[in-house]
Amino acid sequence: MRQQSTGKIKITFKESMGLLGPYVRDRLLAQIKSVWLIITYLILFQTLVLGIPIAEASVIALGIALVVAGLTFFMEGLFLGLMPLGELVGVRLPQKSNLVVILLFALVLGFLATLAEPAIAVLQTAGKEVAPWEAPLLFLLLSTHPDVLVYSVGIGVGVAVLFGMLRFIYNWSLKPFIYILVGSLSALTIYAYMEPNLLTITGLAWDCGAVTTGPVTVPLVLALGIGISRMVGGGDSSGFGVVTLASLFPIVAVLSLGLYFAPQIPSPMSEAEFF
C-alpha cells in the first residue's frame, strides 16, 4: 500500500480483495440468516409432514443460492444508490422548485416506482387462472385489461406520495388521512359484498395494497419523505407515514375502477350459460 503525493492511497489488487472479502462475506451471511429458517421449514414440512422427497435438489439448491446472491446485490443497491438518491432529491427539491413541481414529481415518482415493483408482474400473469364465467369483472381486469389495472394501482400510489409530500410540507397529521381512507374503504368493501361482480375483485383490491409496499417503492418513498422532512424542518422521524398511504390509496383506486366497469360486465354465471 502506497500513499501518493495527491493524498490518495493506492492499494494493490490483492489488498483490495483482502478488504472486500470480509465485507462481501458479512453481507452474504446477513441474507443467509434471513432466509434459512423459511427454507428449513419448507423442506422439513415437505419431507416429514407431507412425506414427499425433495425432487431436483441440486436445481433447488442453485435457486436458493441465486436468491441469496440476488438479495445481497439488491440490498446493497438500495443502500448505496436508490435510498441516498431519493433522500438527496428530497432535500434539494424544495430548494430548487416550487410546490407544483414537487407535487408533480411525487405523483410521477409513485407511479413509476409501482411499475418497477417485481410483484406487479404477478398481477399481469394471474389472469390465466381466472375463469371468465365465474368472475367476469376479475377476468376483465386481470386478462383483458391488465395494464389498466396496473396503471390504476400506480396512480393510487402516485396520489399517495403526493399527499404524503403535502403532509410533510404543511406538517399535517396522519390521523385525518387514516380516518377518511379507512372509512371510505370500509364503505366500498361493504357495498362490494352486496354486488356480485364487485365481490370478485374485493380480494384483488386489498392485495394490491400489499403489492405496492414492495422493495422498490418503500425505500424510495421513505428516503424522499425523510429528505423533504429534513429540509422543511420536521426532522427524520416525521418522514414516515407515506407508506401507509401508499398501501391504502391503491385499494381505493382498484375498487373505484371496479365500480366503473361493473355496469358494463355481466354477472357471474355457470360455464354452460357462458358458452
C-alpha atoms as a PDB file:
ATOM      1  CA  MET A   1       0.000   0.000   0.000  1.00  0.00           C
ATOM      2  CA  ARG A   2       1.452   3.401  -1.002  1.00  0.00           C
ATOM      3  CA  GLN A   3       0.264   6.947  -0.429  1.00  0.00           C
ATOM      4  CA  GLN A   4       0.577   9.163  -3.491  1.00  0.00           C
ATOM      5  CA  SER A   5       1.517  12.837  -3.368  1.00  0.00           C
ATOM      6  CA  THR A   6      -2.064  13.775  -4.256  1.00  0.00           C
ATOM      7  CA  GLY A   7      -3.255  12.435  -0.912  1.00  0.00           C
ATOM      8  CA  LYS A   8      -4.866   9.308  -2.392  1.00  0.00           C
ATOM      9  CA  ILE A   9      -3.976   5.897  -1.029  1.00  0.00           C
ATOM     10  CA  LYS A  10      -3.059   3.347  -3.672  1.00  0.00           C
ATOM     11  CA  ILE A  11      -3.577  -0.315  -2.827  1.00  0.00           C
ATOM     12  CA  THR A  12      -2.768  -3.443  -4.762  1.00  0.00           C
ATOM     13  CA  PHE A  13      -5.373  -5.814  -6.182  1.00  0.00           C
ATOM     14  CA  LYS A  14      -4.550  -8.383  -3.510  1.00  0.00           C
ATOM     15  CA  GLU A  15      -5.016  -5.819  -0.754  1.00  0.00           C
ATOM     16  CA  SER A  16      -8.319  -4.647  -2.221  1.00  0.00           C
ATOM     17  CA  MET A  17      -9.595  -8.246  -2.318  1.00  0.00           C
ATOM     18  CA  GLY A  18      -8.498  -8.632   1.289  1.00  0.00           C
ATOM     19  CA  LEU A  19     -10.651  -5.647   2.240  1.00  0.00           C
ATOM     20  CA  LEU A  20     -13.583  -6.582   0.023  1.00  0.00           C
ATOM     21  CA  GLY A  21     -13.729 -10.240   1.022  1.00  0.00           C
ATOM     22  CA  PRO A  22     -14.896  -9.771   4.641  1.00  0.00           C
ATOM     23  CA  TYR A  23     -17.415  -7.136   3.536  1.00  0.00           C
ATOM     24  CA  VAL A  24     -18.996  -9.438   0.942  1.00  0.00           C
ATOM     25  CA  ARG A  25     -18.966 -12.345   3.391  1.00  0.00           C
ATOM     26  CA  ASP A  26     -20.817 -10.320   6.023  1.00  0.00           C
ATOM     27  CA  ARG A  27     -23.460  -9.219   3.516  1.00  0.00           C
ATOM     28  CA  LEU A  28     -23.986 -12.772   2.265  1.00  0.00           C
ATOM     29  CA  LEU A  29     -24.254 -14.123   5.808  1.00  0.00           C
ATOM     30  CA  ALA A  30     -26.859 -11.470   6.630  1.00  0.00           C
ATOM     31  CA  GLN A  31     -29.068 -12.683   3.766  1.00  0.00           C
ATOM     32  CA  ILE A  32     -28.490 -16.342   4.615  1.00  0.00           C
ATOM     33  CA  LYS A  33     -29.676 -15.632   8.163  1.00  0.00           C
ATOM     34  CA  SER A  34     -32.818 -14.007   6.791  1.00  0.00           C
ATOM     35  CA  VAL A  35     -33.867 -16.946   4.571  1.00  0.00           C
ATOM     36  CA  TRP A  36     -32.541 -20.127   6.172  1.00  0.00           C
ATOM     37  CA  LEU A  37     -35.421 -20.505   8.633  1.00  0.00           C
ATOM     38  CA  ILE A  38     -38.165 -20.405   5.996  1.00  0.00           C
ATOM     39  CA  ILE A  39     -36.178 -22.702   3.688  1.00  0.00           C
ATOM     40  CA  THR A  40     -35.589 -25.207   6.504  1.00  0.00           C
ATOM     41  CA  TYR A  41     -39.257 -25.067   7.481  1.00  0.00           C
ATOM     42  CA  LEU A  42     -40.429 -25.772   3.920  1.00  0.00           C
ATOM     43  CA  ILE A  43     -38.004 -28.671   3.487  1.00  0.00           C
ATOM     44  CA  LEU A  44     -38.917 -30.273   6.823  1.00  0.00           C
ATOM     45  CA  PHE A  45     -42.646 -29.826   6.214  1.00  0.00           C
ATOM     46  CA  GLN A  46     -42.450 -31.411   2.771  1.00  0.00           C
ATOM     47  CA  THR A  47     -40.306 -34.357   3.848  1.00  0.00           C
ATOM     48  CA  LEU A  48     -41.633 -35.081   7.360  1.00  0.00           C
ATOM     49  CA  VAL A  49     -45.282 -33.969   7.254  1.00  0.00           C
ATOM     50  CA  LEU A  50     -46.225 -34.476   3.608  1.00  0.00           C
ATOM     51  CA  GLY A  51     -43.794 -37.341   3.111  1.00  0.00           C
ATOM     52  CA  ILE A  52     -42.698 -36.063  -0.296  1.00  0.00           C
ATOM     53  CA  PRO A  53     -38.993 -36.318  -1.163  1.00  0.00           C
ATOM     54  CA  ILE A  54     -37.182 -33.264  -2.485  1.00  0.00           C
ATOM     55  CA  ALA A  55     -37.094 -33.610  -6.265  1.00  0.00           C
ATOM     56  CA  GLU A  56     -34.258 -31.982  -8.231  1.00  0.00           C
ATOM     57  CA  ALA A  57     -32.469 -30.942  -5.053  1.00  0.00           C
ATOM     58  CA  SER A  58     -29.477 -29.590  -6.975  1.00  0.00           C
ATOM     59  CA  VAL A  59     -31.679 -27.243  -9.014  1.00  0.00           C
ATOM     60  CA  ILE A  60     -33.457 -26.048  -5.862  1.00  0.00           C
ATOM     61  CA  ALA A  61     -30.105 -25.514  -4.121  1.00  0.00           C
ATOM     62  CA  LEU A  62     -28.889 -23.466  -7.086  1.00  0.00           C
ATOM     63  CA  GLY A  63     -32.080 -21.409  -6.991  1.00  0.00           C
ATOM     64  CA  ILE A  64     -31.654 -20.729  -3.274  1.00  0.00           C
ATOM     65  CA  ALA A  65     -28.049 -19.663  -3.849  1.00  0.00           C
ATOM     66  CA  LEU A  66     -29.195 -17.278  -6.577  1.00  0.00           C
ATOM     67  CA  VAL A  67     -31.850 -15.866  -4.238  1.00  0.00           C
ATOM     68  CA  VAL A  68     -29.227 -15.185  -1.562  1.00  0.00           C
ATOM     69  CA  ALA A  69     -26.863 -13.581  -4.078  1.00  0.00           C
ATOM     70  CA  GLY A  70     -29.681 -11.559  -5.629  1.00  0.00           C
ATOM     71  CA  LEU A  71     -30.889 -10.291  -2.262  1.00  0.00           C
ATOM     72  CA  THR A  72     -27.335  -9.317  -1.360  1.00  0.00           C
ATOM     73  CA  PHE A  73     -26.836  -7.267  -4.526  1.00  0.00           C
ATOM     74  CA  PHE A  74     -30.334  -5.818  -4.315  1.00  0.00           C
ATOM     75  CA  MET A  75     -29.952  -4.617  -0.719  1.00  0.00           C
ATOM     76  CA  GLU A  76     -26.550  -3.122  -1.469  1.00  0.00           C
ATOM     77  CA  GLY A  77     -28.044  -1.310  -4.442  1.00  0.00           C
ATOM     78  CA  LEU A  78     -30.804   0.106  -2.258  1.00  0.00           C
ATOM     79  CA  PHE A  79     -28.485   1.307   0.489  1.00  0.00           C
ATOM     80  CA  LEU A  80     -25.733   2.629  -1.778  1.00  0.00           C
ATOM     81  CA  GLY A  81     -27.797   4.016  -4.639  1.00  0.00           C
ATOM     82  CA  LEU A  82     -31.566   4.251  -4.525  1.00  0.00           C
ATOM     83  CA  MET A  83     -32.102   5.447  -0.950  1.00  0.00           C
ATOM     84  CA  PRO A  84     -29.317   8.093  -0.919  1.00  0.00           C
ATOM     85  CA  LEU A  85     -30.561   9.351  -4.286  1.00  0.00           C
ATOM     86  CA  GLY A  86     -34.147   9.602  -3.038  1.00  0.00           C
ATOM     87  CA  GLU A  87     -33.088  11.404   0.127  1.00  0.00           C
ATOM     88  CA  LEU A  88     -30.851  13.802  -1.818  1.00  0.00           C
ATOM     89  CA  VAL A  89     -33.712  14.649  -4.179  1.00  0.00           C
ATOM     90  CA  GLY A  90     -35.980  15.176  -1.177  1.00  0.00           C
ATOM     91  CA  VAL A  91     -33.502  17.640   0.339  1.00  0.00           C
ATOM     92  CA  ARG A  92     -32.735  19.547  -2.869  1.00  0.00           C
ATOM     93  CA  LEU A  93     -36.195  19.603  -4.462  1.00  0.00           C
ATOM     94  CA  PRO A  94     -37.754  22.194  -2.094  1.00  0.00           C
ATOM     95  CA  GLN A  95     -34.692  24.419  -2.604  1.00  0.00           C
ATOM     96  CA  LYS A  96     -34.820  24.351  -6.397  1.00  0.00           C
ATOM     97  CA  SER A  97     -38.535  24.056  -7.228  1.00  0.00           C
ATOM     98  CA  ASN A  98     -41.952  25.365  -6.292  1.00  0.00           C
ATOM     99  CA  LEU A  99     -44.835  23.407  -4.777  1.00  0.00           C
ATOM    100  CA  VAL A 100     -46.394  22.455  -8.125  1.00  0.00           C
ATOM    101  CA  VAL A 101     -43.159  20.864  -9.374  1.00  0.00           C
ATOM    102  CA  ILE A 102     -42.710  18.994  -6.084  1.00  0.00           C
ATOM    103  CA  LEU A 103     -46.223  17.560  -6.257  1.00  0.00           C
ATOM    104  CA  LEU A 104     -45.893  16.581  -9.927  1.00  0.00           C
ATOM    105  CA  PHE A 105     -42.572  14.918  -9.178  1.00  0.00           C
ATOM    106  CA  ALA A 106     -44.123  12.992  -6.260  1.00  0.00           C
ATOM    107  CA  LEU A 107     -47.047  11.847  -8.425  1.00  0.00           C
ATOM    108  CA  VAL A 108     -44.820  10.596 -11.253  1.00  0.00           C
ATOM    109  CA  LEU A 109     -42.332   9.021  -8.832  1.00  0.00           C
ATOM    110  CA  GLY A 110     -45.045   6.989  -7.107  1.00  0.00           C
ATOM    111  CA  PHE A 111     -46.448   5.858 -10.450  1.00  0.00           C
ATOM    112  CA  LEU A 112     -43.087   4.797 -11.911  1.00  0.00           C
ATOM    113  CA  ALA A 113     -41.938   3.126  -8.684  1.00  0.00           C
ATOM    114  CA  THR A 114     -45.065   0.968  -8.789  1.00  0.00           C
ATOM    115  CA  LEU A 115     -44.367  -0.120 -12.362  1.00  0.00           C
ATOM    116  CA  ALA A 116     -40.872  -1.176 -11.242  1.00  0.00           C
ATOM    117  CA  GLU A 117     -42.205  -3.439  -8.467  1.00  0.00           C
ATOM    118  CA  PRO A 118     -41.455  -7.132  -9.189  1.00  0.00           C
ATOM    119  CA  ALA A 119     -44.816  -8.169  -7.719  1.00  0.00           C
ATOM    120  CA  ILE A 120     -46.668  -6.124 -10.332  1.00  0.00           C
ATOM    121  CA  ALA A 121     -45.650  -8.706 -12.935  1.00  0.00           C
ATOM    122  CA  VAL A 122     -47.570 -11.307 -10.933  1.00  0.00           C
ATOM    123  CA  LEU A 123     -50.781  -9.318 -11.394  1.00  0.00           C
ATOM    124  CA  GLN A 124     -50.292  -9.315 -15.144  1.00  0.00           C
ATOM    125  CA  THR A 125     -49.999 -13.135 -15.276  1.00  0.00           C
ATOM    126  CA  ALA A 126     -52.559 -14.091 -12.630  1.00  0.00           C
ATOM    127  CA  GLY A 127     -55.473 -13.715 -15.045  1.00  0.00           C
ATOM    128  CA  LYS A 128     -54.631 -17.023 -16.723  1.00  0.00           C
ATOM    129  CA  GLU A 129     -56.089 -18.873 -13.727  1.00  0.00           C
ATOM    130  CA  VAL A 130     -59.417 -16.984 -13.667  1.00  0.00           C
ATOM    131  CA  ALA A 131     -62.500 -18.467 -15.353  1.00  0.00           C
ATOM    132  CA  PRO A 132     -64.387 -15.659 -17.176  1.00  0.00           C
ATOM    133  CA  TRP A 133     -67.827 -17.097 -16.364  1.00  0.00           C
ATOM    134  CA  GLU A 134     -67.124 -17.339 -12.617  1.00  0.00           C
ATOM    135  CA  ALA A 135     -65.679 -13.838 -12.208  1.00  0.00           C
ATOM    136  CA  PRO A 136     -66.227 -11.713 -15.343  1.00  0.00           C
ATOM    137  CA  LEU A 137     -65.017  -8.450 -13.805  1.00  0.00           C
ATOM    138  CA  LEU A 138     -61.948 -10.073 -12.278  1.00  0.00           C
ATOM    139  CA  PHE A 139     -61.162 -11.708 -15.619  1.00  0.00           C
ATOM    140  CA  LEU A 140     -61.560  -8.353 -17.372  1.00  0.00           C
ATOM    141  CA  LEU A 141     -59.093  -6.615 -15.070  1.00  0.00           C
ATOM    142  CA  LEU A 142     -56.517  -9.409 -14.979  1.00  0.00           C
ATOM    143  CA  SER A 143     -56.687 -10.816 -18.510  1.00  0.00           C
ATOM    144  CA  THR A 144     -58.359  -8.350 -20.861  1.00  0.00           C
ATOM    145  CA  HIS A 145     -57.068  -5.074 -19.413  1.00  0.00           C
ATOM    146  CA  PRO A 146     -54.163  -5.916 -17.061  1.00  0.00           C
ATOM    147  CA  ASP A 147     -52.373  -2.691 -17.994  1.00  0.00           C
ATOM    148  CA  VAL A 148     -55.383  -0.640 -16.888  1.00  0.00           C
ATOM    149  CA  LEU A 149     -55.260  -2.390 -13.517  1.00  0.00           C
ATOM    150  CA  VAL A 150     -51.527  -1.774 -13.130  1.00  0.00           C
ATOM    151  CA  TYR A 151     -51.868   1.880 -14.139  1.00  0.00           C
ATOM    152  CA  SER A 152     -54.707   2.405 -11.660  1.00  0.00           C
ATOM    153  CA  VAL A 153     -52.554   0.951  -8.889  1.00  0.00           C
ATOM    154  CA  GLY A 154     -49.681   3.197  -9.975  1.00  0.00           C
ATOM    155  CA  ILE A 155     -51.927   6.260  -9.968  1.00  0.00           C
ATOM    156  CA  GLY A 156     -53.105   5.318  -6.483  1.00  0.00           C
ATOM    157  CA  VAL A 157     -49.528   5.166  -5.244  1.00  0.00           C
ATOM    158  CA  GLY A 158     -48.683   8.418  -7.023  1.00  0.00           C
ATOM    159  CA  VAL A 159     -51.583  10.215  -5.342  1.00  0.00           C
ATOM    160  CA  ALA A 160     -50.500   8.719  -2.014  1.00  0.00           C
ATOM    161  CA  VAL A 161     -46.949  10.042  -2.409  1.00  0.00           C
ATOM    162  CA  LEU A 162     -48.358  13.421  -3.463  1.00  0.00           C
ATOM    163  CA  PHE A 163     -50.467  13.700  -0.311  1.00  0.00           C
ATOM    164  CA  GLY A 164     -47.537  12.410   1.710  1.00  0.00           C
ATOM    165  CA  MET A 165     -45.359  15.252   0.461  1.00  0.00           C
ATOM    166  CA  LEU A 166     -48.113  17.767   1.252  1.00  0.00           C
ATOM    167  CA  ARG A 167     -48.315  16.326   4.747  1.00  0.00           C
ATOM    168  CA  PHE A 168     -44.580  16.780   5.273  1.00  0.00           C
ATOM    169  CA  ILE A 169     -44.501  20.307   3.851  1.00  0.00           C
ATOM    170  CA  TYR A 170     -47.507  21.593   5.812  1.00  0.00           C
ATOM    171  CA  ASN A 171     -46.920  19.393   8.872  1.00  0.00           C
ATOM    172  CA  TRP A 172     -50.358  17.782   8.657  1.00  0.00           C
ATOM    173  CA  SER A 173     -51.285  14.937  10.973  1.00  0.00           C
ATOM    174  CA  LEU A 174     -51.585  11.438   9.546  1.00  0.00           C
ATOM    175  CA  LYS A 175     -54.765  10.679  11.513  1.00  0.00           C
ATOM    176  CA  PRO A 176     -57.291  12.504   9.263  1.00  0.00           C
ATOM    177  CA  PHE A 177     -55.950  10.654   6.226  1.00  0.00           C
ATOM    178  CA  ILE A 178     -56.284   7.316   8.009  1.00  0.00           C
ATOM    179  CA  TYR A 179     -59.809   8.039   9.235  1.00  0.00           C
ATOM    180  CA  ILE A 180     -61.022   9.149   5.795  1.00  0.00           C
ATOM    181  CA  LEU A 181     -59.338   6.324   3.884  1.00  0.00           C
ATOM    182  CA  VAL A 182     -60.314   3.541   6.278  1.00  0.00           C
ATOM    183  CA  GLY A 183     -63.883   4.846   6.410  1.00  0.00           C
ATOM    184  CA  SER A 184     -64.094   5.052   2.623  1.00  0.00           C
ATOM    185  CA  LEU A 185     -62.568   1.609   2.183  1.00  0.00           C
ATOM    186  CA  SER A 186     -64.936   0.089   4.723  1.00  0.00           C
ATOM    187  CA  ALA A 187     -67.946   1.574   2.922  1.00  0.00           C
ATOM    188  CA  LEU A 188     -66.690   0.470  -0.508  1.00  0.00           C
ATOM    189  CA  THR A 189     -65.925  -3.042   0.727  1.00  0.00           C
ATOM    190  CA  ILE A 190     -69.353  -3.445   2.331  1.00  0.00           C
ATOM    191  CA  TYR A 191     -71.004  -2.242  -0.878  1.00  0.00           C
ATOM    192  CA  ALA A 192     -68.840  -4.617  -2.932  1.00  0.00           C
ATOM    193  CA  TYR A 193     -70.068  -7.589  -0.915  1.00  0.00           C
ATOM    194  CA  MET A 194     -73.616  -6.759  -1.995  1.00  0.00           C
ATOM    195  CA  GLU A 195     -72.723  -6.553  -5.708  1.00  0.00           C
ATOM    196  CA  PRO A 196     -71.797  -9.914  -7.342  1.00  0.00           C
ATOM    197  CA  ASN A 197     -69.259  -8.522  -9.791  1.00  0.00           C
ATOM    198  CA  LEU A 198     -67.519  -6.229  -7.317  1.00  0.00           C
ATOM    199  CA  LEU A 199     -67.347  -9.071  -4.814  1.00  0.00           C
ATOM    200  CA  THR A 200     -64.997 -10.947  -7.131  1.00  0.00           C
ATOM    201  CA  ILE A 201     -62.406  -8.128  -7.144  1.00  0.00           C
ATOM    202  CA  THR A 202     -62.526  -7.212  -3.444  1.00  0.00           C
ATOM    203  CA  GLY A 203     -59.685  -9.557  -2.560  1.00  0.00           C
ATOM    204  CA  LEU A 204     -57.679  -8.334  -5.549  1.00  0.00           C
ATOM    205  CA  ALA A 205     -58.125  -4.704  -4.487  1.00  0.00           C
ATOM    206  CA  TRP A 206     -56.839  -5.362  -0.982  1.00  0.00           C
ATOM    207  CA  ASP A 207     -53.971  -7.470  -2.290  1.00  0.00           C
ATOM    208  CA  CYS A 208     -52.940  -4.543  -4.496  1.00  0.00           C
ATOM    209  CA  GLY A 209     -52.295  -2.584  -1.313  1.00  0.00           C
ATOM    210  CA  ALA A 210     -49.665  -5.150  -0.348  1.00  0.00           C
ATOM    211  CA  VAL A 211     -48.157  -5.282  -3.836  1.00  0.00           C
ATOM    212  CA  THR A 212     -47.321  -1.583  -3.689  1.00  0.00           C
ATOM    213  CA  THR A 213     -45.370  -1.844  -0.428  1.00  0.00           C
ATOM    214  CA  GLY A 214     -42.555  -3.727  -2.108  1.00  0.00           C
ATOM    215  CA  PRO A 215     -38.750  -3.495  -2.207  1.00  0.00           C
ATOM    216  CA  VAL A 216     -38.657  -0.616  -4.715  1.00  0.00           C
ATOM    217  CA  THR A 217     -41.468   1.684  -3.582  1.00  0.00           C
ATOM    218  CA  VAL A 218     -40.916   1.548   0.176  1.00  0.00           C
ATOM    219  CA  PRO A 219     -37.207   2.531   0.335  1.00  0.00           C
ATOM    220  CA  LEU A 220     -37.633   5.180  -2.348  1.00  0.00           C
ATOM    221  CA  VAL A 221     -40.649   6.994  -0.910  1.00  0.00           C
ATOM    222  CA  LEU A 222     -39.294   6.687   2.629  1.00  0.00           C
ATOM    223  CA  ALA A 223     -35.995   8.253   1.590  1.00  0.00           C
ATOM    224  CA  LEU A 224     -37.809  11.004  -0.317  1.00  0.00           C
ATOM    225  CA  GLY A 225     -40.072  11.709   2.660  1.00  0.00           C
ATOM    226  CA  ILE A 226     -37.166  11.811   5.098  1.00  0.00           C
ATOM    227  CA  GLY A 227     -35.264  14.187   2.810  1.00  0.00           C
ATOM    228  CA  ILE A 228     -38.192  16.597   2.425  1.00  0.00           C
ATOM    229  CA  SER A 229     -38.995  16.442   6.148  1.00  0.00           C
ATOM    230  CA  ARG A 230     -35.399  17.266   6.991  1.00  0.00           C
ATOM    231  CA  MET A 231     -35.436  20.176   4.560  1.00  0.00           C
ATOM    232  CA  VAL A 232     -38.673  21.717   5.879  1.00  0.00           C
ATOM    233  CA  GLY A 233     -37.548  21.315   9.486  1.00  0.00           C
ATOM    234  CA  GLY A 234     -39.575  18.289  10.502  1.00  0.00           C
ATOM    235  CA  GLY A 235     -36.601  16.064  11.249  1.00  0.00           C
ATOM    236  CA  ASP A 236     -36.057  12.483  10.087  1.00  0.00           C
ATOM    237  CA  SER A 237     -38.823  10.955  12.208  1.00  0.00           C
ATOM    238  CA  SER A 238     -41.623  12.946  10.549  1.00  0.00           C
ATOM    239  CA  GLY A 239     -40.783  11.470   7.142  1.00  0.00           C
ATOM    240  CA  PHE A 240     -42.666   8.284   7.896  1.00  0.00           C
ATOM    241  CA  GLY A 241     -46.307   7.514   7.152  1.00  0.00           C
ATOM    242  CA  VAL A 242     -46.283   7.802   3.376  1.00  0.00           C
ATOM    243  CA  VAL A 243     -46.016   4.006   3.033  1.00  0.00           C
ATOM    244  CA  THR A 244     -49.311   3.685   4.908  1.00  0.00           C
ATOM    245  CA  LEU A 245     -50.952   5.986   2.392  1.00  0.00           C
ATOM    246  CA  ALA A 246     -49.276   4.102  -0.464  1.00  0.00           C
ATOM    247  CA  SER A 247     -50.905   0.871   0.705  1.00  0.00           C
ATOM    248  CA  LEU A 248     -54.410   2.359   1.116  1.00  0.00           C
ATOM    249  CA  PHE A 249     -54.842   4.609  -1.927  1.00  0.00           C
ATOM    250  CA  PRO A 250     -54.342   1.754  -4.452  1.00  0.00           C
ATOM    251  CA  ILE A 251     -57.176  -0.191  -2.799  1.00  0.00           C
ATOM    252  CA  VAL A 252     -59.462   2.791  -3.341  1.00  0.00           C
ATOM    253  CA  ALA A 253     -58.208   3.059  -6.937  1.00  0.00           C
ATOM    254  CA  VAL A 254     -58.918  -0.597  -7.783  1.00  0.00           C
ATOM    255  CA  LEU A 255     -62.354  -0.594  -6.141  1.00  0.00           C
ATOM    256  CA  SER A 256     -63.182   2.626  -7.999  1.00  0.00           C
ATOM    257  CA  LEU A 257     -62.034   1.000 -11.237  1.00  0.00           C
ATOM    258  CA  GLY A 258     -64.356  -1.897 -10.466  1.00  0.00           C
ATOM    259  CA  LEU A 259     -67.247   0.494  -9.900  1.00  0.00           C
ATOM    260  CA  TYR A 260     -66.610   1.974 -13.344  1.00  0.00           C
ATOM    261  CA  PHE A 261     -66.508  -1.368 -15.188  1.00  0.00           C
ATOM    262  CA  ALA A 262     -69.143  -3.273 -13.179  1.00  0.00           C
ATOM    263  CA  PRO A 263     -72.232  -1.910 -15.014  1.00  0.00           C
ATOM    264  CA  GLN A 264     -70.696  -2.937 -18.346  1.00  0.00           C
ATOM    265  CA  ILE A 265     -69.992  -6.551 -17.336  1.00  0.00           C
ATOM    266  CA  PRO A 266     -72.483  -9.449 -16.990  1.00  0.00           C
ATOM    267  CA  SER A 267     -72.907 -11.078 -13.589  1.00  0.00           C
ATOM    268  CA  PRO A 268     -71.151 -14.363 -12.741  1.00  0.00           C
ATOM    269  CA  MET A 269     -72.806 -17.383 -14.383  1.00  0.00           C
ATOM    270  CA  SER A 270     -72.332 -21.078 -14.978  1.00  0.00           C
ATOM    271  CA  GLU A 271     -69.985 -22.388 -17.655  1.00  0.00           C
ATOM    272  CA  ALA A 272     -72.945 -23.671 -19.682  1.00  0.00           C
ATOM    273  CA  GLU A 273     -74.632 -20.262 -19.655  1.00  0.00           C
ATOM    274  CA  PHE A 274     -71.386 -18.549 -20.664  1.00  0.00           C
ATOM    275  CA  PHE A 275     -70.927 -20.698 -23.755  1.00  0.00           C
END
